[in-house]
Amino acid sequence: KPFTPTEELTLGVLDHLMMGTTSSILRKTLMESGLGEAITGGGLSDELLQSTFSVGLKGVQPEKVAEAEQLILNTLTKIVEDGFTEDDIEASLNTIEFQMREFNTGSFPKYLSFNLAANTKWLYGRSPMSAVRFEKPLSELKAMIAESGSRVFTDLVKELLVENTHRSTVEMVPS
């Protein structure tokens, strides 16, 4: 099912909590594991009707692929069990909110950025404005965090990543 704007925002903050900085738990765990050279996968991708989450490592030895996959699943389970600190949640939420309010596109034209964002919803029969309006989802997310804290995010990790068996492991080998 398509996510609501509030669910999309929540997933964006969750993605930042897990992958957004060098100290984010999933990113840090993978980098410190010694199993690969660099992080691959862009984390959350929500431009299509069915969102995806991808993460992995570049340069994993063939005999270590299963170990890397298990490390990812174990880390996600640890997130469900331990949650996130209030400081981490606040930092990620502030970062995402700042990015939405600033909407800094650099040298890329703003109108084109708005158009591309709107098209991600419009293509699937949803309101194109839902891609650019964030005040209501932001206030709803803040209220959910005030009420449930880290559970807002850990419940999503459990439902969408840990208990969801709709996943694949891709091993690419250059020729």
N, C-alpha and C. Protein backbone atom coordinates (compact mmCIF):
# COMPACT_ATOMS: atom_id res chain seq x y z
N LYS A 1 0.84 -1.18 0.00
CA LYS A 1 0.00 0.00 0.00
C LYS A 1 0.87 1.24 0.00
N PRO A 2 0.42 2.29 -0.63
CA PRO A 2 1.19 3.53 -0.60
C PRO A 2 1.26 4.08 0.82
N PHE A 3 2.38 4.67 1.15
CA PHE A 3 2.53 5.29 2.47
C PHE A 3 1.84 6.64 2.50
N THR A 4 1.37 7.01 3.67
CA THR A 4 0.81 8.35 3.86
C THR A 4 1.98 9.33 3.93
N PRO A 5 1.73 10.62 3.76
CA PRO A 5 2.82 11.60 3.89
C PRO A 5 3.53 11.51 5.24
N THR A 6 2.79 11.25 6.30
CA THR A 6 3.42 11.13 7.62
C THR A 6 4.30 9.89 7.70
N GLU A 7 3.83 8.78 7.12
CA GLU A 7 4.66 7.56 7.09
C GLU A 7 5.91 7.78 6.26
N GLU A 8 5.79 8.47 5.14
CA GLU A 8 6.95 8.76 4.30
C GLU A 8 7.98 9.58 5.06
N LEU A 9 7.52 10.60 5.77
CA LEU A 9 8.43 11.44 6.55
C LEU A 9 9.08 10.63 7.67
N THR A 10 8.29 9.80 8.33
CA THR A 10 8.81 8.96 9.41
C THR A 10 9.91 8.04 8.87
N LEU A 11 9.67 7.46 7.70
CA LEU A 11 10.68 6.59 7.09
C LEU A 11 11.93 7.37 6.71
N GLY A 12 11.76 8.61 6.27
CA GLY A 12 12.91 9.44 5.94
C GLY A 12 13.77 9.73 7.16
N VAL A 13 13.12 10.02 8.29
CA VAL A 13 13.86 10.26 9.53
C VAL A 13 14.52 8.95 10.00
N LEU A 14 13.79 7.84 9.88
CA LEU A 14 14.36 6.54 10.25
C LEU A 14 15.59 6.22 9.41
N ASP A 15 15.50 6.49 8.12
CA ASP A 15 16.63 6.27 7.23
C ASP A 15 17.84 7.08 7.69
N HIS A 16 17.59 8.31 8.09
CA HIS A 16 18.68 9.16 8.59
C HIS A 16 19.25 8.61 9.89
N LEU A 17 18.37 8.12 10.77
CA LEU A 17 18.83 7.54 12.03
C LEU A 17 19.74 6.33 11.80
N MET A 18 19.41 5.52 10.80
CA MET A 18 20.18 4.30 10.55
C MET A 18 21.39 4.50 9.66
N MET A 19 21.29 5.46 8.70
CA MET A 19 22.33 5.56 7.66
C MET A 19 22.87 6.97 7.42
N GLY A 20 22.23 7.99 7.98
CA GLY A 20 22.48 9.37 7.58
C GLY A 20 23.81 9.98 7.96
N THR A 21 24.45 9.47 9.00
CA THR A 21 25.73 10.03 9.43
C THR A 21 26.73 8.90 9.66
N THR A 22 27.99 9.25 9.83
CA THR A 22 29.00 8.22 10.08
C THR A 22 28.79 7.52 11.42
N SER A 23 28.05 8.15 12.34
CA SER A 23 27.80 7.52 13.63
C SER A 23 26.44 6.81 13.68
N SER A 24 25.69 6.83 12.57
CA SER A 24 24.41 6.13 12.52
C SER A 24 24.66 4.63 12.64
N ILE A 25 23.82 3.96 13.40
CA ILE A 25 24.10 2.58 13.82
C ILE A 25 24.35 1.60 12.68
N LEU A 26 23.51 1.58 11.68
CA LEU A 26 23.69 0.59 10.61
C LEU A 26 24.93 0.92 9.78
N ARG A 27 25.10 2.18 9.46
CA ARG A 27 26.27 2.61 8.68
C ARG A 27 27.57 2.31 9.45
N LYS A 28 27.59 2.69 10.72
CA LYS A 28 28.79 2.51 11.54
C LYS A 28 29.12 1.03 11.72
N THR A 29 28.10 0.23 11.98
CA THR A 29 28.32 -1.21 12.17
C THR A 29 28.92 -1.84 10.93
N LEU A 30 28.39 -1.49 9.77
CA LEU A 30 28.91 -2.06 8.53
C LEU A 30 30.34 -1.60 8.26
N MET A 31 30.60 -0.33 8.46
CA MET A 31 31.95 0.20 8.19
C MET A 31 32.99 -0.40 9.13
N GLU A 32 32.61 -0.60 10.39
CA GLU A 32 33.56 -1.12 11.37
C GLU A 32 33.70 -2.63 11.32
N SER A 33 32.86 -3.30 10.52
CA SER A 33 32.87 -4.76 10.48
C SER A 33 34.11 -5.33 9.79
N GLY A 34 34.71 -4.56 8.90
CA GLY A 34 35.86 -5.05 8.15
C GLY A 34 35.47 -6.03 7.04
N LEU A 35 34.17 -6.20 6.81
CA LEU A 35 33.71 -7.14 5.79
C LEU A 35 33.80 -6.57 4.38
N GLY A 36 33.84 -5.25 4.25
CA GLY A 36 33.88 -4.63 2.94
C GLY A 36 34.60 -3.30 2.99
N GLU A 37 34.71 -2.68 1.81
CA GLU A 37 35.48 -1.45 1.68
C GLU A 37 34.64 -0.19 1.87
N ALA A 38 33.39 -0.23 1.42
CA ALA A 38 32.55 0.96 1.47
C ALA A 38 31.09 0.55 1.48
N ILE A 39 30.25 1.45 1.95
CA ILE A 39 28.80 1.23 1.97
C ILE A 39 28.26 1.37 0.55
N THR A 40 27.35 0.48 0.18
CA THR A 40 26.63 0.61 -1.08
C THR A 40 25.14 0.59 -0.76
N GLY A 41 24.37 1.02 -1.70
CA GLY A 41 22.92 1.09 -1.48
C GLY A 41 22.58 2.45 -0.91
N GLY A 42 21.52 2.99 -1.37
CA GLY A 42 21.16 4.34 -0.97
C GLY A 42 20.24 4.43 0.21
N GLY A 43 20.05 3.34 0.95
CA GLY A 43 19.09 3.38 2.04
C GLY A 43 17.68 3.40 1.47
N LEU A 44 16.87 4.32 1.96
CA LEU A 44 15.48 4.41 1.53
C LEU A 44 15.37 5.03 0.14
N SER A 45 14.58 4.39 -0.70
CA SER A 45 14.25 4.94 -2.02
C SER A 45 12.74 4.92 -2.12
N ASP A 46 12.13 6.11 -2.09
CA ASP A 46 10.66 6.17 -2.06
C ASP A 46 10.07 6.90 -3.27
N GLU A 47 10.81 6.93 -4.37
CA GLU A 47 10.33 7.62 -5.57
C GLU A 47 9.31 6.80 -6.35
N LEU A 48 9.35 5.49 -6.20
CA LEU A 48 8.43 4.62 -6.92
C LEU A 48 7.24 4.29 -6.02
N LEU A 49 6.23 3.66 -6.58
CA LEU A 49 5.05 3.31 -5.81
C LEU A 49 5.40 2.38 -4.65
N GLN A 50 6.29 1.43 -4.89
CA GLN A 50 6.73 0.53 -3.83
C GLN A 50 8.12 0.97 -3.38
N SER A 51 8.19 1.50 -2.19
CA SER A 51 9.47 1.96 -1.65
C SER A 51 10.40 0.77 -1.40
N THR A 52 11.69 1.04 -1.47
CA THR A 52 12.69 0.02 -1.17
C THR A 52 13.71 0.57 -0.19
N PHE A 53 14.39 -0.34 0.47
CA PHE A 53 15.50 0.01 1.34
C PHE A 53 16.64 -0.91 0.95
N SER A 54 17.76 -0.32 0.59
CA SER A 54 18.91 -1.14 0.20
C SER A 54 20.16 -0.68 0.93
N VAL A 55 20.94 -1.66 1.34
CA VAL A 55 22.20 -1.37 2.00
C VAL A 55 23.11 -2.58 1.80
N GLY A 56 24.37 -2.31 1.71
CA GLY A 56 25.34 -3.40 1.56
C GLY A 56 26.74 -2.86 1.62
N LEU A 57 27.65 -3.69 1.21
CA LEU A 57 29.06 -3.35 1.22
C LEU A 57 29.70 -3.66 -0.11
N LYS A 58 30.62 -2.83 -0.47
CA LYS A 58 31.43 -3.04 -1.68
C LYS A 58 32.69 -3.80 -1.26
N GLY A 59 33.10 -4.74 -2.11
CA GLY A 59 34.36 -5.44 -1.86
C GLY A 59 34.26 -6.56 -0.85
N VAL A 60 33.09 -7.14 -0.67
CA VAL A 60 32.93 -8.27 0.25
C VAL A 60 33.45 -9.53 -0.44
N GLN A 61 34.26 -10.29 0.26
CA GLN A 61 34.75 -11.55 -0.29
C GLN A 61 33.58 -12.52 -0.45
N PRO A 62 33.55 -13.30 -1.53
CA PRO A 62 32.42 -14.20 -1.79
C PRO A 62 32.03 -15.08 -0.59
N GLU A 63 33.01 -15.55 0.14
CA GLU A 63 32.71 -16.41 1.28
C GLU A 63 32.17 -15.64 2.49
N LYS A 64 32.17 -14.31 2.42
CA LYS A 64 31.70 -13.46 3.52
C LYS A 64 30.34 -12.82 3.26
N VAL A 65 29.73 -13.11 2.10
CA VAL A 65 28.45 -12.49 1.75
C VAL A 65 27.37 -12.82 2.78
N ALA A 66 27.26 -14.08 3.15
CA ALA A 66 26.24 -14.50 4.14
C ALA A 66 26.49 -13.81 5.48
N GLU A 67 27.76 -13.65 5.84
CA GLU A 67 28.10 -12.98 7.10
C GLU A 67 27.68 -11.50 7.05
N ALA A 68 27.88 -10.86 5.92
CA ALA A 68 27.47 -9.46 5.78
C ALA A 68 25.95 -9.33 5.87
N GLU A 69 25.25 -10.23 5.20
CA GLU A 69 23.78 -10.22 5.27
C GLU A 69 23.31 -10.42 6.70
N GLN A 70 23.90 -11.36 7.40
CA GLN A 70 23.50 -11.63 8.79
C GLN A 70 23.82 -10.44 9.69
N LEU A 71 24.93 -9.76 9.43
CA LEU A 71 25.27 -8.58 10.22
C LEU A 71 24.21 -7.50 10.06
N ILE A 72 23.73 -7.31 8.85
CA ILE A 72 22.68 -6.32 8.60
C ILE A 72 21.41 -6.70 9.35
N LEU A 73 20.99 -7.95 9.24
CA LEU A 73 19.78 -8.40 9.93
C LEU A 73 19.93 -8.33 11.45
N ASN A 74 21.10 -8.69 11.96
CA ASN A 74 21.34 -8.61 13.40
C ASN A 74 21.30 -7.16 13.89
N THR A 75 21.85 -6.26 13.08
CA THR A 75 21.84 -4.85 13.45
C THR A 75 20.42 -4.29 13.46
N LEU A 76 19.62 -4.68 12.48
CA LEU A 76 18.23 -4.25 12.45
C LEU A 76 17.47 -4.79 13.67
N THR A 77 17.74 -6.03 14.05
CA THR A 77 17.11 -6.62 15.24
C THR A 77 17.55 -5.87 16.49
N LYS A 78 18.82 -5.50 16.55
CA LYS A 78 19.34 -4.72 17.69
C LYS A 78 18.63 -3.37 17.77
N ILE A 79 18.38 -2.76 16.64
CA ILE A 79 17.66 -1.48 16.62
C ILE A 79 16.26 -1.67 17.22
N VAL A 80 15.58 -2.75 16.83
CA VAL A 80 14.25 -3.02 17.36
C VAL A 80 14.31 -3.19 18.88
N GLU A 81 15.30 -3.89 19.36
CA GLU A 81 15.43 -4.17 20.79
C GLU A 81 15.86 -2.95 21.60
N ASP A 82 16.84 -2.19 21.09
CA ASP A 82 17.44 -1.10 21.85
C ASP A 82 16.84 0.27 21.55
N GLY A 83 16.29 0.45 20.36
CA GLY A 83 15.73 1.73 19.97
C GLY A 83 16.80 2.77 19.72
N PHE A 84 16.36 4.01 19.67
CA PHE A 84 17.24 5.15 19.43
C PHE A 84 17.16 6.08 20.63
N THR A 85 18.23 6.81 20.90
CA THR A 85 18.21 7.75 22.01
C THR A 85 17.40 8.99 21.61
N GLU A 86 16.91 9.69 22.62
CA GLU A 86 16.17 10.94 22.36
C GLU A 86 17.04 11.93 21.59
N ASP A 87 18.32 12.00 21.95
CA ASP A 87 19.23 12.93 21.28
C ASP A 87 19.39 12.59 19.80
N ASP A 88 19.51 11.29 19.50
CA ASP A 88 19.65 10.88 18.10
C ASP A 88 18.39 11.20 17.30
N ILE A 89 17.23 10.94 17.91
CA ILE A 89 15.96 11.23 17.24
C ILE A 89 15.84 12.73 16.98
N GLU A 90 16.13 13.51 18.00
CA GLU A 90 16.03 14.97 17.86
C GLU A 90 16.99 15.49 16.79
N ALA A 91 18.22 14.97 16.77
CA ALA A 91 19.21 15.41 15.78
C ALA A 91 18.77 15.07 14.36
N SER A 92 18.29 13.84 14.16
CA SER A 92 17.84 13.45 12.82
C SER A 92 16.62 14.23 12.39
N LEU A 93 15.67 14.39 13.31
CA LEU A 93 14.46 15.15 12.98
C LEU A 93 14.80 16.60 12.64
N ASN A 94 15.71 17.20 13.41
CA ASN A 94 16.13 18.58 13.12
C ASN A 94 16.81 18.68 11.77
N THR A 95 17.65 17.71 11.44
CA THR A 95 18.34 17.72 10.15
C THR A 95 17.36 17.64 9.00
N ILE A 96 16.42 16.71 9.09
CA ILE A 96 15.43 16.53 8.03
C ILE A 96 14.54 17.77 7.92
N GLU A 97 14.11 18.29 9.06
CA GLU A 97 13.25 19.49 9.04
C GLU A 97 14.00 20.67 8.41
N PHE A 98 15.25 20.84 8.76
CA PHE A 98 16.04 21.93 8.18
C PHE A 98 16.16 21.77 6.67
N GLN A 99 16.42 20.55 6.22
CA GLN A 99 16.54 20.29 4.78
C GLN A 99 15.23 20.61 4.05
N MET A 100 14.10 20.24 4.66
CA MET A 100 12.81 20.51 4.02
C MET A 100 12.52 22.01 3.97
N ARG A 101 12.83 22.70 5.04
CA ARG A 101 12.55 24.14 5.09
C ARG A 101 13.49 24.93 4.18
N GLU A 102 14.76 24.53 4.15
CA GLU A 102 15.74 25.25 3.34
C GLU A 102 15.56 24.95 1.86
N PHE A 103 15.27 23.72 1.53
CA PHE A 103 15.11 23.24 0.16
C PHE A 103 16.23 23.77 -0.74
N ASN A 104 17.46 23.55 -0.29
CA ASN A 104 18.63 24.01 -1.02
C ASN A 104 18.92 23.03 -2.15
N THR A 105 18.76 23.47 -3.37
CA THR A 105 19.01 22.62 -4.53
C THR A 105 20.35 22.93 -5.19
N GLY A 106 21.14 23.79 -4.55
CA GLY A 106 22.44 24.15 -5.13
C GLY A 106 22.23 24.86 -6.45
N SER A 107 22.95 24.43 -7.46
CA SER A 107 22.82 25.08 -8.77
C SER A 107 21.69 24.47 -9.60
N PHE A 108 21.06 23.43 -9.07
CA PHE A 108 19.94 22.78 -9.76
C PHE A 108 18.70 23.67 -9.61
N PRO A 109 17.95 23.94 -10.66
CA PRO A 109 16.79 24.85 -10.57
C PRO A 109 15.72 24.34 -9.60
N LYS A 110 15.27 25.23 -8.72
CA LYS A 110 14.27 24.85 -7.72
C LYS A 110 12.99 24.37 -8.37
N TYR A 111 12.54 25.06 -9.41
CA TYR A 111 11.28 24.67 -10.04
C TYR A 111 11.35 23.25 -10.56
N LEU A 112 12.52 22.84 -11.06
CA LEU A 112 12.68 21.48 -11.57
C LEU A 112 12.66 20.48 -10.42
N SER A 113 13.25 20.84 -9.29
CA SER A 113 13.23 19.97 -8.12
C SER A 113 11.80 19.78 -7.61
N PHE A 114 11.03 20.87 -7.57
CA PHE A 114 9.62 20.77 -7.16
C PHE A 114 8.86 19.87 -8.14
N ASN A 115 9.11 20.04 -9.43
CA ASN A 115 8.43 19.26 -10.45
C ASN A 115 8.75 17.78 -10.32
N LEU A 116 10.02 17.45 -10.14
CA LEU A 116 10.42 16.05 -10.01
C LEU A 116 9.81 15.42 -8.75
N ALA A 117 9.79 16.17 -7.66
CA ALA A 117 9.17 15.66 -6.43
C ALA A 117 7.68 15.43 -6.63
N ALA A 118 7.01 16.38 -7.24
CA ALA A 118 5.56 16.26 -7.48
C ALA A 118 5.25 15.06 -8.37
N ASN A 119 6.09 14.84 -9.37
CA ASN A 119 5.86 13.72 -10.30
C ASN A 119 5.93 12.36 -9.63
N THR A 120 6.70 12.23 -8.54
CA THR A 120 6.79 10.94 -7.85
C THR A 120 5.45 10.52 -7.28
N LYS A 121 4.56 11.45 -7.02
CA LYS A 121 3.21 11.15 -6.52
C LYS A 121 2.19 11.16 -7.66
N TRP A 122 2.31 12.14 -8.50
CA TRP A 122 1.34 12.36 -9.57
C TRP A 122 1.27 11.17 -10.52
N LEU A 123 2.41 10.56 -10.80
CA LEU A 123 2.48 9.40 -11.68
C LEU A 123 1.58 8.25 -11.21
N TYR A 124 1.34 8.20 -9.90
CA TYR A 124 0.58 7.10 -9.32
C TYR A 124 -0.80 7.54 -8.85
N GLY A 125 -1.29 8.66 -9.40
CA GLY A 125 -2.64 9.10 -9.11
C GLY A 125 -2.83 9.78 -7.77
N ARG A 126 -1.75 10.14 -7.13
CA ARG A 126 -1.83 10.84 -5.84
C ARG A 126 -1.64 12.32 -6.08
N SER A 127 -1.97 13.10 -5.09
CA SER A 127 -1.84 14.55 -5.21
C SER A 127 -0.38 14.94 -5.38
N PRO A 128 -0.05 15.69 -6.43
CA PRO A 128 1.35 16.11 -6.60
C PRO A 128 1.81 17.02 -5.47
N MET A 129 0.89 17.69 -4.84
CA MET A 129 1.26 18.60 -3.75
C MET A 129 1.68 17.85 -2.49
N SER A 130 1.26 16.57 -2.37
CA SER A 130 1.64 15.81 -1.17
C SER A 130 3.14 15.61 -1.08
N ALA A 131 3.84 15.76 -2.20
CA ALA A 131 5.29 15.58 -2.21
C ALA A 131 6.03 16.80 -1.69
N VAL A 132 5.36 17.94 -1.66
CA VAL A 132 6.06 19.16 -1.27
C VAL A 132 5.50 19.80 0.00
N ARG A 133 4.35 19.37 0.43
CA ARG A 133 3.79 19.89 1.68
C ARG A 133 4.28 19.02 2.84
N PHE A 134 4.85 19.67 3.84
CA PHE A 134 5.43 18.88 4.92
C PHE A 134 5.00 19.34 6.31
N GLU A 135 4.33 20.46 6.45
CA GLU A 135 4.00 20.99 7.78
C GLU A 135 3.11 20.03 8.58
N LYS A 136 2.03 19.53 7.97
CA LYS A 136 1.11 18.64 8.69
C LYS A 136 1.79 17.31 9.04
N PRO A 137 2.44 16.64 8.07
CA PRO A 137 3.14 15.40 8.45
C PRO A 137 4.21 15.62 9.52
N LEU A 138 4.89 16.74 9.46
CA LEU A 138 5.93 17.04 10.44
C LEU A 138 5.33 17.19 11.84
N SER A 139 4.23 17.92 11.94
CA SER A 139 3.61 18.09 13.27
C SER A 139 3.04 16.76 13.76
N GLU A 140 2.49 15.95 12.86
CA GLU A 140 1.98 14.63 13.26
C GLU A 140 3.12 13.73 13.74
N LEU A 141 4.24 13.75 13.06
CA LEU A 141 5.38 12.94 13.48
C LEU A 141 5.91 13.40 14.83
N LYS A 142 6.01 14.69 15.03
CA LYS A 142 6.48 15.21 16.33
C LYS A 142 5.55 14.78 17.45
N ALA A 143 4.24 14.79 17.20
CA ALA A 143 3.27 14.35 18.21
C ALA A 143 3.43 12.86 18.50
N MET A 144 3.66 12.07 17.46
CA MET A 144 3.85 10.62 17.64
C MET A 144 5.12 10.35 18.46
N ILE A 145 6.18 11.10 18.19
CA ILE A 145 7.43 10.93 18.93
C ILE A 145 7.24 11.34 20.38
N ALA A 146 6.51 12.42 20.61
CA ALA A 146 6.25 12.88 21.98
C ALA A 146 5.48 11.81 22.77
N GLU A 147 4.60 11.12 22.08
CA GLU A 147 3.78 10.10 22.74
C GLU A 147 4.50 8.77 22.89
N SER A 148 5.20 8.32 21.83
CA SER A 148 5.76 6.97 21.84
C SER A 148 7.27 6.90 21.80
N GLY A 149 7.94 8.01 21.59
CA GLY A 149 9.39 8.02 21.55
C GLY A 149 9.95 7.16 20.44
N SER A 150 10.95 6.38 20.77
CA SER A 150 11.68 5.56 19.79
C SER A 150 10.80 4.48 19.15
N ARG A 151 9.72 4.09 19.82
CA ARG A 151 8.85 3.03 19.27
C ARG A 151 8.28 3.41 17.91
N VAL A 152 8.13 4.71 17.66
CA VAL A 152 7.66 5.15 16.35
C VAL A 152 8.54 4.54 15.26
N PHE A 153 9.83 4.50 15.50
CA PHE A 153 10.79 4.03 14.52
C PHE A 153 11.06 2.53 14.64
N THR A 154 11.18 2.03 15.86
CA THR A 154 11.50 0.61 16.02
C THR A 154 10.37 -0.29 15.53
N ASP A 155 9.13 0.15 15.70
CA ASP A 155 8.01 -0.64 15.18
C ASP A 155 8.08 -0.75 13.65
N LEU A 156 8.49 0.34 12.99
CA LEU A 156 8.64 0.30 11.53
C LEU A 156 9.79 -0.62 11.10
N VAL A 157 10.89 -0.56 11.82
CA VAL A 157 12.02 -1.44 11.49
C VAL A 157 11.59 -2.89 11.63
N LYS A 158 10.88 -3.19 12.70
CA LYS A 158 10.42 -4.57 12.92
C LYS A 158 9.48 -5.01 11.81
N GLU A 159 8.46 -4.18 11.51
CA GLU A 159 7.45 -4.56 10.52
C GLU A 159 7.99 -4.59 9.10
N LEU A 160 8.71 -3.54 8.71
CA LEU A 160 9.09 -3.39 7.31
C LEU A 160 10.42 -4.03 6.93
N LEU A 161 11.30 -4.26 7.91
CA LEU A 161 12.62 -4.78 7.58
C LEU A 161 12.92 -6.13 8.23
N VAL A 162 12.70 -6.25 9.51
CA VAL A 162 13.07 -7.50 10.20
C VAL A 162 12.09 -8.63 9.88
N GLU A 163 10.81 -8.36 10.03
CA GLU A 163 9.81 -9.42 9.82
C GLU A 163 9.38 -9.54 8.36
N ASN A 164 9.78 -8.64 7.52
CA ASN A 164 9.42 -8.66 6.11
C ASN A 164 10.40 -9.55 5.36
N THR A 165 9.91 -10.64 4.80
CA THR A 165 10.79 -11.56 4.08
C THR A 165 10.85 -11.22 2.59
N HIS A 166 10.25 -10.14 2.20
CA HIS A 166 10.28 -9.69 0.79
C HIS A 166 11.60 -8.94 0.59
N ARG A 167 12.68 -9.71 0.46
CA ARG A 167 14.01 -9.12 0.33
C ARG A 167 14.87 -10.01 -0.55
N SER A 168 15.96 -9.44 -0.99
CA SER A 168 16.90 -10.24 -1.76
C SER A 168 18.32 -9.82 -1.44
N THR A 169 19.22 -10.73 -1.64
CA THR A 169 20.65 -10.45 -1.51
C THR A 169 21.22 -10.50 -2.92
N VAL A 170 21.88 -9.43 -3.29
CA VAL A 170 22.46 -9.35 -4.62
C VAL A 170 23.98 -9.33 -4.47
N GLU A 171 24.61 -10.28 -5.14
CA GLU A 171 26.06 -10.36 -5.13
C GLU A 171 26.52 -10.11 -6.56
N MET A 172 27.26 -9.03 -6.75
CA MET A 172 27.75 -8.69 -8.09
C MET A 172 29.24 -8.98 -8.17
N VAL A 173 29.62 -9.65 -9.24
CA VAL A 173 31.03 -10.01 -9.43
C VAL A 173 31.46 -9.47 -10.79
N PRO A 174 32.50 -8.64 -10.81
CA PRO A 174 32.95 -8.08 -12.09
C PRO A 174 33.59 -9.16 -12.96
N SER A 175 33.46 -8.95 -14.26
CA SER A 175 34.11 -9.89 -15.18
C SER A 175 35.18 -9.14 -15.96
